[in-house]
Amino acid sequence: MLGVQPMIPDDLIQIGAFTAPHGLHGAIKLRAIGQPDALLELRRVYIPNKGWLGVKQVVLHDVVPVLMLAGVNSREDALALHSVDVYAEKMAVHLEPDTFYYHDLIGRSVIAPDGSSLGVIASMIDTGVQDILVVRHNERDVLVPLQAPYVRVLKENIEIEPISGLFDDS
């Protein structure tokens, strides 16, 4: 059916999307969300409309993860996965200290250093170089780079030390 999105199990996180075949024997590049080296220990991935596929190997080509998957044995098989979103179990992706899943930040309240409310995290943007917080502030979105020391992820909320004018309503 056209336009119907497959159901993704709740215990999964999106780790990226396939981009292009790598070589002739089914390897495929992944545009990773987050740190590519966090994916090196993956044992299986979830592909919408295909289900679980075993991961035979993950290598980094420069900083791009390249996956060898069970059942993906040719360049044509890999090409068929172009632009397909890829998911993994949350616990399968190793996170370094002070790193977070996007979904753990979305919905958190945003405060200034004085404790005043600045809004709520509406979404995240992965630019490949810098993660961007999309802060919903008085019915508009404010884009804030997730950059220390100006942004601190606290236990219950996110503290932002905004530059002058960033959250002004005029």
N, C-alpha and C. Protein backbone atom coordinates (compact mmCIF):
# COMPACT_ATOMS: atom_id res chain seq x y z
N MET A 1 0.83 -1.17 0.00
CA MET A 1 0.00 0.00 0.00
C MET A 1 0.88 1.24 0.00
N LEU A 2 0.60 2.18 -0.84
CA LEU A 2 1.38 3.40 -0.96
C LEU A 2 1.15 4.30 0.26
N GLY A 3 2.23 4.86 0.80
CA GLY A 3 2.11 5.80 1.89
C GLY A 3 1.99 5.19 3.27
N VAL A 4 1.94 3.87 3.39
CA VAL A 4 1.82 3.23 4.69
C VAL A 4 3.21 3.01 5.26
N GLN A 5 3.46 3.54 6.45
CA GLN A 5 4.75 3.38 7.11
C GLN A 5 4.74 2.08 7.90
N PRO A 6 5.80 1.28 7.80
CA PRO A 6 5.86 0.05 8.58
C PRO A 6 5.98 0.38 10.07
N MET A 7 5.43 -0.49 10.90
CA MET A 7 5.53 -0.32 12.35
C MET A 7 6.93 -0.71 12.80
N ILE A 8 7.54 0.14 13.59
CA ILE A 8 8.87 -0.12 14.14
C ILE A 8 8.69 -0.45 15.62
N PRO A 9 9.21 -1.58 16.07
CA PRO A 9 9.08 -1.92 17.49
C PRO A 9 9.63 -0.81 18.39
N ASP A 10 8.96 -0.59 19.53
CA ASP A 10 9.30 0.51 20.44
C ASP A 10 10.68 0.40 21.06
N ASP A 11 11.22 -0.80 21.15
CA ASP A 11 12.52 -0.95 21.82
C ASP A 11 13.70 -0.75 20.88
N LEU A 12 13.44 -0.23 19.69
CA LEU A 12 14.49 -0.01 18.70
C LEU A 12 14.79 1.47 18.54
N ILE A 13 16.02 1.77 18.11
CA ILE A 13 16.40 3.14 17.77
C ILE A 13 16.92 3.14 16.34
N GLN A 14 16.69 4.23 15.65
CA GLN A 14 17.25 4.36 14.31
C GLN A 14 18.73 4.66 14.44
N ILE A 15 19.54 3.87 13.75
CA ILE A 15 20.99 4.09 13.79
C ILE A 15 21.50 4.74 12.51
N GLY A 16 20.63 4.87 11.51
CA GLY A 16 21.03 5.51 10.27
C GLY A 16 20.18 5.06 9.11
N ALA A 17 20.73 5.26 7.90
CA ALA A 17 20.07 4.83 6.67
C ALA A 17 21.16 4.36 5.71
N PHE A 18 20.84 3.32 4.95
CA PHE A 18 21.79 2.82 3.97
C PHE A 18 21.94 3.83 2.84
N THR A 19 23.16 3.94 2.33
CA THR A 19 23.40 4.91 1.25
C THR A 19 23.74 4.25 -0.07
N ALA A 20 24.78 3.41 -0.09
CA ALA A 20 25.24 2.87 -1.37
C ALA A 20 25.99 1.56 -1.15
N PRO A 21 26.01 0.72 -2.17
CA PRO A 21 26.83 -0.50 -2.08
C PRO A 21 28.30 -0.13 -1.95
N HIS A 22 29.06 -1.05 -1.37
CA HIS A 22 30.51 -0.90 -1.24
C HIS A 22 31.13 -2.18 -1.78
N GLY A 23 31.61 -2.12 -2.98
CA GLY A 23 32.17 -3.30 -3.61
C GLY A 23 31.11 -4.13 -4.31
N LEU A 24 31.46 -5.38 -4.60
CA LEU A 24 30.60 -6.25 -5.41
C LEU A 24 29.91 -7.36 -4.64
N HIS A 25 30.23 -7.54 -3.35
CA HIS A 25 29.76 -8.72 -2.64
C HIS A 25 28.75 -8.44 -1.54
N GLY A 26 27.98 -7.36 -1.67
CA GLY A 26 26.86 -7.11 -0.76
C GLY A 26 27.13 -6.15 0.38
N ALA A 27 28.34 -5.67 0.52
CA ALA A 27 28.60 -4.67 1.57
C ALA A 27 27.84 -3.40 1.25
N ILE A 28 27.41 -2.70 2.30
CA ILE A 28 26.63 -1.48 2.08
C ILE A 28 27.03 -0.42 3.10
N LYS A 29 27.12 0.82 2.62
CA LYS A 29 27.48 1.95 3.47
C LYS A 29 26.26 2.42 4.25
N LEU A 30 26.52 2.93 5.44
CA LEU A 30 25.47 3.42 6.32
C LEU A 30 25.76 4.87 6.68
N ARG A 31 24.78 5.75 6.46
CA ARG A 31 24.87 7.12 6.97
C ARG A 31 24.41 7.03 8.41
N ALA A 32 25.36 7.02 9.32
CA ALA A 32 25.08 6.78 10.73
C ALA A 32 24.56 8.02 11.43
N ILE A 33 23.66 7.81 12.36
CA ILE A 33 23.21 8.84 13.27
C ILE A 33 24.06 8.67 14.52
N GLY A 34 24.82 9.68 14.86
CA GLY A 34 25.67 9.58 16.04
C GLY A 34 27.08 9.13 15.68
N GLN A 35 27.74 8.50 16.62
CA GLN A 35 29.13 8.10 16.47
C GLN A 35 29.24 6.77 15.74
N PRO A 36 29.87 6.73 14.57
CA PRO A 36 29.97 5.48 13.80
C PRO A 36 30.66 4.34 14.55
N ASP A 37 31.66 4.64 15.36
CA ASP A 37 32.36 3.56 16.05
C ASP A 37 31.51 2.89 17.12
N ALA A 38 30.38 3.50 17.50
CA ALA A 38 29.46 2.87 18.44
C ALA A 38 28.75 1.68 17.82
N LEU A 39 28.85 1.53 16.50
CA LEU A 39 28.14 0.46 15.79
C LEU A 39 29.01 -0.77 15.53
N LEU A 40 30.26 -0.73 15.91
CA LEU A 40 31.19 -1.80 15.55
C LEU A 40 30.84 -3.17 16.13
N GLU A 41 30.11 -3.21 17.22
CA GLU A 41 29.78 -4.49 17.86
C GLU A 41 28.38 -4.99 17.53
N LEU A 42 27.69 -4.37 16.58
CA LEU A 42 26.33 -4.80 16.23
C LEU A 42 26.32 -6.26 15.79
N ARG A 43 25.31 -6.99 16.23
CA ARG A 43 25.14 -8.39 15.83
C ARG A 43 23.95 -8.59 14.89
N ARG A 44 22.99 -7.66 14.96
CA ARG A 44 21.84 -7.72 14.05
C ARG A 44 21.23 -6.35 13.92
N VAL A 45 20.55 -6.11 12.80
CA VAL A 45 19.85 -4.85 12.56
C VAL A 45 18.44 -5.16 12.09
N TYR A 46 17.56 -4.20 12.31
CA TYR A 46 16.17 -4.35 11.90
C TYR A 46 15.93 -3.47 10.69
N ILE A 47 15.41 -4.08 9.63
CA ILE A 47 15.11 -3.38 8.39
C ILE A 47 13.60 -3.43 8.19
N PRO A 48 12.93 -2.26 8.11
CA PRO A 48 11.49 -2.26 7.89
C PRO A 48 11.12 -3.09 6.64
N ASN A 49 10.07 -3.84 6.74
CA ASN A 49 9.55 -4.71 5.68
C ASN A 49 10.45 -5.91 5.38
N LYS A 50 11.55 -6.08 6.10
CA LYS A 50 12.42 -7.25 5.95
C LYS A 50 12.59 -7.98 7.27
N GLY A 51 12.57 -7.22 8.38
CA GLY A 51 12.78 -7.82 9.69
C GLY A 51 14.24 -7.77 10.10
N TRP A 52 14.63 -8.74 10.92
CA TRP A 52 15.99 -8.77 11.45
C TRP A 52 16.94 -9.41 10.46
N LEU A 53 18.11 -8.79 10.29
CA LEU A 53 19.18 -9.36 9.48
C LEU A 53 20.43 -9.44 10.36
N GLY A 54 21.11 -10.57 10.30
CA GLY A 54 22.35 -10.72 11.05
C GLY A 54 23.45 -9.86 10.45
N VAL A 55 24.29 -9.32 11.32
CA VAL A 55 25.43 -8.53 10.88
C VAL A 55 26.65 -9.42 10.90
N LYS A 56 27.23 -9.66 9.73
CA LYS A 56 28.43 -10.48 9.64
C LYS A 56 29.68 -9.69 10.00
N GLN A 57 29.66 -8.39 9.64
CA GLN A 57 30.84 -7.56 9.91
C GLN A 57 30.46 -6.09 9.78
N VAL A 58 31.09 -5.26 10.62
CA VAL A 58 31.01 -3.81 10.49
C VAL A 58 32.44 -3.29 10.49
N VAL A 59 32.78 -2.54 9.46
CA VAL A 59 34.09 -1.89 9.40
C VAL A 59 33.87 -0.41 9.11
N LEU A 60 34.84 0.39 9.52
CA LEU A 60 34.78 1.81 9.20
C LEU A 60 35.68 2.07 8.01
N HIS A 61 35.10 2.62 6.95
CA HIS A 61 35.86 3.04 5.77
C HIS A 61 35.99 4.55 5.91
N ASP A 62 37.16 5.02 6.32
CA ASP A 62 37.35 6.37 6.83
C ASP A 62 36.47 6.46 8.08
N VAL A 63 35.41 7.24 8.07
CA VAL A 63 34.50 7.28 9.23
C VAL A 63 33.11 6.75 8.87
N VAL A 64 32.98 6.15 7.70
CA VAL A 64 31.69 5.64 7.23
C VAL A 64 31.57 4.16 7.57
N PRO A 65 30.53 3.78 8.34
CA PRO A 65 30.33 2.36 8.61
C PRO A 65 29.92 1.61 7.33
N VAL A 66 30.55 0.46 7.13
CA VAL A 66 30.21 -0.43 6.02
C VAL A 66 29.79 -1.75 6.65
N LEU A 67 28.57 -2.19 6.32
CA LEU A 67 28.02 -3.41 6.91
C LEU A 67 27.98 -4.54 5.91
N MET A 68 28.29 -5.73 6.40
CA MET A 68 28.06 -6.98 5.66
C MET A 68 26.93 -7.68 6.40
N LEU A 69 25.82 -7.91 5.70
CA LEU A 69 24.63 -8.48 6.32
C LEU A 69 24.32 -9.87 5.78
N ALA A 70 23.80 -10.71 6.63
CA ALA A 70 23.36 -12.04 6.20
C ALA A 70 22.26 -11.87 5.15
N GLY A 71 22.37 -12.59 4.06
CA GLY A 71 21.37 -12.53 3.00
C GLY A 71 21.56 -11.42 1.99
N VAL A 72 22.53 -10.55 2.21
CA VAL A 72 22.83 -9.48 1.26
C VAL A 72 24.19 -9.86 0.67
N ASN A 73 24.14 -10.50 -0.51
CA ASN A 73 25.34 -11.14 -1.04
C ASN A 73 25.88 -10.55 -2.34
N SER A 74 25.19 -9.56 -2.87
CA SER A 74 25.63 -8.99 -4.15
C SER A 74 25.45 -7.48 -4.13
N ARG A 75 26.06 -6.84 -5.08
CA ARG A 75 25.90 -5.39 -5.23
C ARG A 75 24.42 -5.05 -5.46
N GLU A 76 23.73 -5.87 -6.20
CA GLU A 76 22.31 -5.64 -6.48
C GLU A 76 21.48 -5.75 -5.21
N ASP A 77 21.80 -6.75 -4.35
CA ASP A 77 21.09 -6.87 -3.07
C ASP A 77 21.29 -5.60 -2.23
N ALA A 78 22.52 -5.11 -2.18
CA ALA A 78 22.83 -3.90 -1.41
C ALA A 78 22.14 -2.68 -2.01
N LEU A 79 22.13 -2.58 -3.33
CA LEU A 79 21.49 -1.46 -4.00
C LEU A 79 19.99 -1.39 -3.69
N ALA A 80 19.36 -2.55 -3.50
CA ALA A 80 17.94 -2.60 -3.16
C ALA A 80 17.65 -1.98 -1.79
N LEU A 81 18.68 -1.84 -0.96
CA LEU A 81 18.50 -1.26 0.38
C LEU A 81 18.81 0.24 0.42
N HIS A 82 19.14 0.83 -0.72
CA HIS A 82 19.47 2.26 -0.78
C HIS A 82 18.37 3.10 -0.14
N SER A 83 18.75 4.01 0.75
CA SER A 83 17.85 4.96 1.43
C SER A 83 16.92 4.32 2.46
N VAL A 84 17.12 3.05 2.77
CA VAL A 84 16.28 2.37 3.76
C VAL A 84 16.81 2.70 5.16
N ASP A 85 15.90 3.07 6.07
CA ASP A 85 16.27 3.32 7.46
C ASP A 85 16.68 2.02 8.14
N VAL A 86 17.63 2.12 9.07
CA VAL A 86 18.17 0.95 9.77
C VAL A 86 18.02 1.17 11.26
N TYR A 87 17.60 0.11 11.97
CA TYR A 87 17.34 0.19 13.40
C TYR A 87 18.12 -0.90 14.13
N ALA A 88 18.35 -0.66 15.42
CA ALA A 88 18.99 -1.66 16.28
C ALA A 88 18.37 -1.57 17.67
N GLU A 89 18.59 -2.59 18.45
CA GLU A 89 18.14 -2.56 19.84
C GLU A 89 18.96 -1.52 20.59
N LYS A 90 18.31 -0.78 21.46
CA LYS A 90 18.99 0.27 22.21
C LYS A 90 20.24 -0.25 22.90
N MET A 91 20.14 -1.38 23.52
CA MET A 91 21.26 -1.91 24.30
C MET A 91 22.39 -2.42 23.41
N ALA A 92 22.15 -2.59 22.13
CA ALA A 92 23.18 -3.10 21.23
C ALA A 92 24.16 -2.02 20.79
N VAL A 93 23.78 -0.75 20.99
CA VAL A 93 24.62 0.36 20.57
C VAL A 93 25.34 0.92 21.80
N HIS A 94 26.65 0.82 21.79
CA HIS A 94 27.46 1.28 22.92
C HIS A 94 27.54 2.80 22.93
N LEU A 95 27.19 3.40 24.06
CA LEU A 95 27.29 4.85 24.20
C LEU A 95 28.44 5.20 25.14
N GLU A 96 29.22 6.17 24.73
CA GLU A 96 30.29 6.69 25.58
C GLU A 96 29.66 7.55 26.67
N PRO A 97 30.39 7.78 27.77
CA PRO A 97 29.86 8.69 28.80
C PRO A 97 29.55 10.06 28.19
N ASP A 98 28.50 10.68 28.69
CA ASP A 98 28.05 12.00 28.24
C ASP A 98 27.59 12.01 26.79
N THR A 99 27.13 10.87 26.29
CA THR A 99 26.48 10.81 24.98
C THR A 99 25.07 10.28 25.21
N PHE A 100 24.16 10.62 24.30
CA PHE A 100 22.76 10.34 24.51
C PHE A 100 22.09 9.91 23.22
N TYR A 101 21.03 9.14 23.34
CA TYR A 101 20.15 8.88 22.21
C TYR A 101 19.31 10.13 21.99
N TYR A 102 19.03 10.45 20.75
CA TYR A 102 18.19 11.61 20.46
C TYR A 102 16.85 11.51 21.20
N HIS A 103 16.24 10.35 21.14
CA HIS A 103 14.90 10.22 21.74
C HIS A 103 14.91 10.46 23.25
N ASP A 104 16.07 10.31 23.89
CA ASP A 104 16.16 10.59 25.32
C ASP A 104 16.14 12.10 25.61
N LEU A 105 16.49 12.90 24.62
CA LEU A 105 16.52 14.36 24.81
C LEU A 105 15.21 15.02 24.38
N ILE A 106 14.55 14.43 23.39
CA ILE A 106 13.30 15.02 22.89
C ILE A 106 12.24 15.00 23.99
N GLY A 107 11.61 16.16 24.18
CA GLY A 107 10.59 16.29 25.21
C GLY A 107 11.11 16.86 26.52
N ARG A 108 12.43 16.92 26.69
CA ARG A 108 12.98 17.48 27.93
C ARG A 108 12.79 18.99 27.95
N SER A 109 12.59 19.51 29.14
CA SER A 109 12.47 20.96 29.28
C SER A 109 13.85 21.59 29.17
N VAL A 110 13.85 22.83 28.69
CA VAL A 110 15.09 23.59 28.51
C VAL A 110 15.02 24.79 29.44
N ILE A 111 16.09 24.97 30.20
CA ILE A 111 16.13 26.07 31.15
C ILE A 111 17.38 26.92 30.93
N ALA A 112 17.32 28.16 31.40
CA ALA A 112 18.48 29.05 31.41
C ALA A 112 19.24 28.79 32.72
N PRO A 113 20.47 29.27 32.84
CA PRO A 113 21.22 29.07 34.08
C PRO A 113 20.51 29.58 35.34
N ASP A 114 19.63 30.60 35.19
CA ASP A 114 18.89 31.12 36.34
C ASP A 114 17.64 30.29 36.67
N GLY A 115 17.41 29.22 35.89
CA GLY A 115 16.27 28.34 36.13
C GLY A 115 15.01 28.70 35.37
N SER A 116 15.02 29.83 34.64
CA SER A 116 13.82 30.21 33.89
C SER A 116 13.65 29.30 32.67
N SER A 117 12.40 29.08 32.32
CA SER A 117 12.07 28.17 31.21
C SER A 117 12.36 28.82 29.86
N LEU A 118 13.02 28.05 28.99
CA LEU A 118 13.27 28.50 27.61
C LEU A 118 12.44 27.73 26.60
N GLY A 119 11.86 26.62 27.00
CA GLY A 119 11.06 25.82 26.09
C GLY A 119 11.26 24.33 26.32
N VAL A 120 11.10 23.58 25.24
CA VAL A 120 11.20 22.12 25.29
C VAL A 120 11.90 21.65 24.02
N ILE A 121 12.64 20.56 24.11
CA ILE A 121 13.29 19.99 22.92
C ILE A 121 12.23 19.34 22.06
N ALA A 122 12.03 19.87 20.85
CA ALA A 122 11.01 19.36 19.94
C ALA A 122 11.58 18.25 19.05
N SER A 123 12.84 18.40 18.65
CA SER A 123 13.48 17.39 17.80
C SER A 123 14.99 17.65 17.79
N MET A 124 15.68 16.82 17.04
CA MET A 124 17.13 16.93 16.89
C MET A 124 17.45 16.91 15.41
N ILE A 125 18.55 17.57 15.04
CA ILE A 125 19.03 17.53 13.66
C ILE A 125 20.47 17.04 13.70
N ASP A 126 20.75 16.00 12.94
CA ASP A 126 22.12 15.47 12.83
C ASP A 126 22.71 16.03 11.55
N THR A 127 23.62 16.99 11.67
CA THR A 127 24.21 17.60 10.48
C THR A 127 25.44 16.83 10.00
N GLY A 128 25.83 15.82 10.78
CA GLY A 128 27.02 15.07 10.44
C GLY A 128 28.26 15.62 11.11
N VAL A 129 28.24 16.89 11.43
CA VAL A 129 29.37 17.54 12.11
C VAL A 129 28.97 17.93 13.53
N GLN A 130 27.77 18.44 13.68
CA GLN A 130 27.30 18.98 14.96
C GLN A 130 25.84 18.61 15.15
N ASP A 131 25.48 18.10 16.32
CA ASP A 131 24.08 17.85 16.63
C ASP A 131 23.41 19.18 16.97
N ILE A 132 22.19 19.35 16.49
CA ILE A 132 21.45 20.59 16.71
C ILE A 132 20.18 20.28 17.50
N LEU A 133 19.98 21.00 18.59
CA LEU A 133 18.74 20.91 19.35
C LEU A 133 17.71 21.83 18.71
N VAL A 134 16.51 21.35 18.50
CA VAL A 134 15.41 22.20 18.04
C VAL A 134 14.55 22.47 19.27
N VAL A 135 14.67 23.69 19.78
CA VAL A 135 13.97 24.08 21.00
C VAL A 135 12.69 24.80 20.62
N ARG A 136 11.55 24.27 21.08
CA ARG A 136 10.26 24.92 20.84
C ARG A 136 10.10 26.01 21.90
N HIS A 137 10.13 27.27 21.46
CA HIS A 137 10.10 28.43 22.37
C HIS A 137 9.01 29.38 21.90
N ASN A 138 7.97 29.55 22.71
CA ASN A 138 6.87 30.48 22.39
C ASN A 138 6.38 30.34 20.96
N GLU A 139 6.04 29.13 20.57
CA GLU A 139 5.45 28.81 19.27
C GLU A 139 6.38 29.00 18.08
N ARG A 140 7.69 29.02 18.33
CA ARG A 140 8.65 29.03 17.23
C ARG A 140 9.82 28.12 17.60
N ASP A 141 10.54 27.68 16.59
CA ASP A 141 11.67 26.80 16.81
C ASP A 141 12.96 27.61 16.83
N VAL A 142 13.80 27.32 17.82
CA VAL A 142 15.11 27.94 17.95
C VAL A 142 16.13 26.81 17.81
N LEU A 143 17.09 26.98 16.90
CA LEU A 143 18.12 25.97 16.67
C LEU A 143 19.34 26.28 17.53
N VAL A 144 19.76 25.30 18.33
CA VAL A 144 20.87 25.49 19.25
C VAL A 144 21.85 24.33 19.08
N PRO A 145 23.11 24.63 18.74
CA PRO A 145 24.10 23.55 18.65
C PRO A 145 24.28 22.89 20.01
N LEU A 146 24.35 21.57 20.02
CA LEU A 146 24.58 20.82 21.26
C LEU A 146 26.07 20.88 21.54
N GLN A 147 26.48 21.99 22.14
CA GLN A 147 27.90 22.30 22.30
C GLN A 147 28.21 22.69 23.74
N ALA A 148 29.11 21.94 24.37
CA ALA A 148 29.58 22.33 25.69
C ALA A 148 30.53 23.52 25.51
N PRO A 149 30.63 24.41 26.42
CA PRO A 149 30.00 24.47 27.74
C PRO A 149 28.67 25.22 27.75
N TYR A 150 28.18 25.61 26.60
CA TYR A 150 26.95 26.41 26.52
C TYR A 150 25.69 25.60 26.74
N VAL A 151 25.77 24.30 26.50
CA VAL A 151 24.63 23.41 26.69
C VAL A 151 25.07 22.30 27.65
N ARG A 152 24.27 22.11 28.70
CA ARG A 152 24.56 21.05 29.66
C ARG A 152 23.34 20.15 29.78
N VAL A 153 23.56 18.86 29.54
CA VAL A 153 22.48 17.89 29.70
C VAL A 153 22.49 17.46 31.16
N LEU A 154 21.44 17.85 31.86
CA LEU A 154 21.30 17.52 33.28
C LEU A 154 20.39 16.30 33.43
N LYS A 155 20.23 15.85 34.66
CA LYS A 155 19.44 14.63 34.89
C LYS A 155 17.99 14.77 34.41
N GLU A 156 17.37 15.91 34.71
CA GLU A 156 15.95 16.08 34.39
C GLU A 156 15.66 17.01 33.21
N ASN A 157 16.62 17.87 32.86
CA ASN A 157 16.37 18.85 31.81
C ASN A 157 17.67 19.22 31.12
N ILE A 158 17.60 20.22 30.27
CA ILE A 158 18.78 20.69 29.54
C ILE A 158 18.94 22.18 29.83
N GLU A 159 20.15 22.52 30.27
CA GLU A 159 20.43 23.92 30.57
C GLU A 159 21.20 24.53 29.41
N ILE A 160 20.70 25.66 28.92
CA ILE A 160 21.33 26.36 27.81
C ILE A 160 21.70 27.76 28.27
N GLU A 161 22.94 28.12 28.03
CA GLU A 161 23.40 29.49 28.28
C GLU A 161 23.31 30.20 26.93
N PRO A 162 22.17 30.84 26.66
CA PRO A 162 21.95 31.38 25.31
C PRO A 162 22.77 32.63 25.02
N ILE A 163 23.12 32.77 23.76
CA ILE A 163 23.75 34.02 23.33
C ILE A 163 22.66 35.10 23.30
N SER A 164 23.07 36.32 23.40
CA SER A 164 22.15 37.43 23.44
C SER A 164 21.23 37.43 22.21
N GLY A 165 19.93 37.54 22.44
CA GLY A 165 18.96 37.63 21.37
C GLY A 165 18.41 36.30 20.86
N LEU A 166 19.04 35.20 21.23
CA LEU A 166 18.63 33.89 20.68
C LEU A 166 17.19 33.54 21.04
N PHE A 167 16.80 33.82 22.26
CA PHE A 167 15.44 33.47 22.70
C PHE A 167 14.54 34.69 22.85
N ASP A 168 14.98 35.84 22.30
CA ASP A 168 14.12 37.03 22.34
C ASP A 168 12.90 36.81 21.46
N ASP A 169 11.78 37.34 21.89
CA ASP A 169 10.52 37.14 21.15
C ASP A 169 10.21 38.25 20.17
N SER A 170 11.10 39.19 20.00
CA SER A 170 10.81 40.30 19.09
C SER A 170 11.27 39.97 17.68
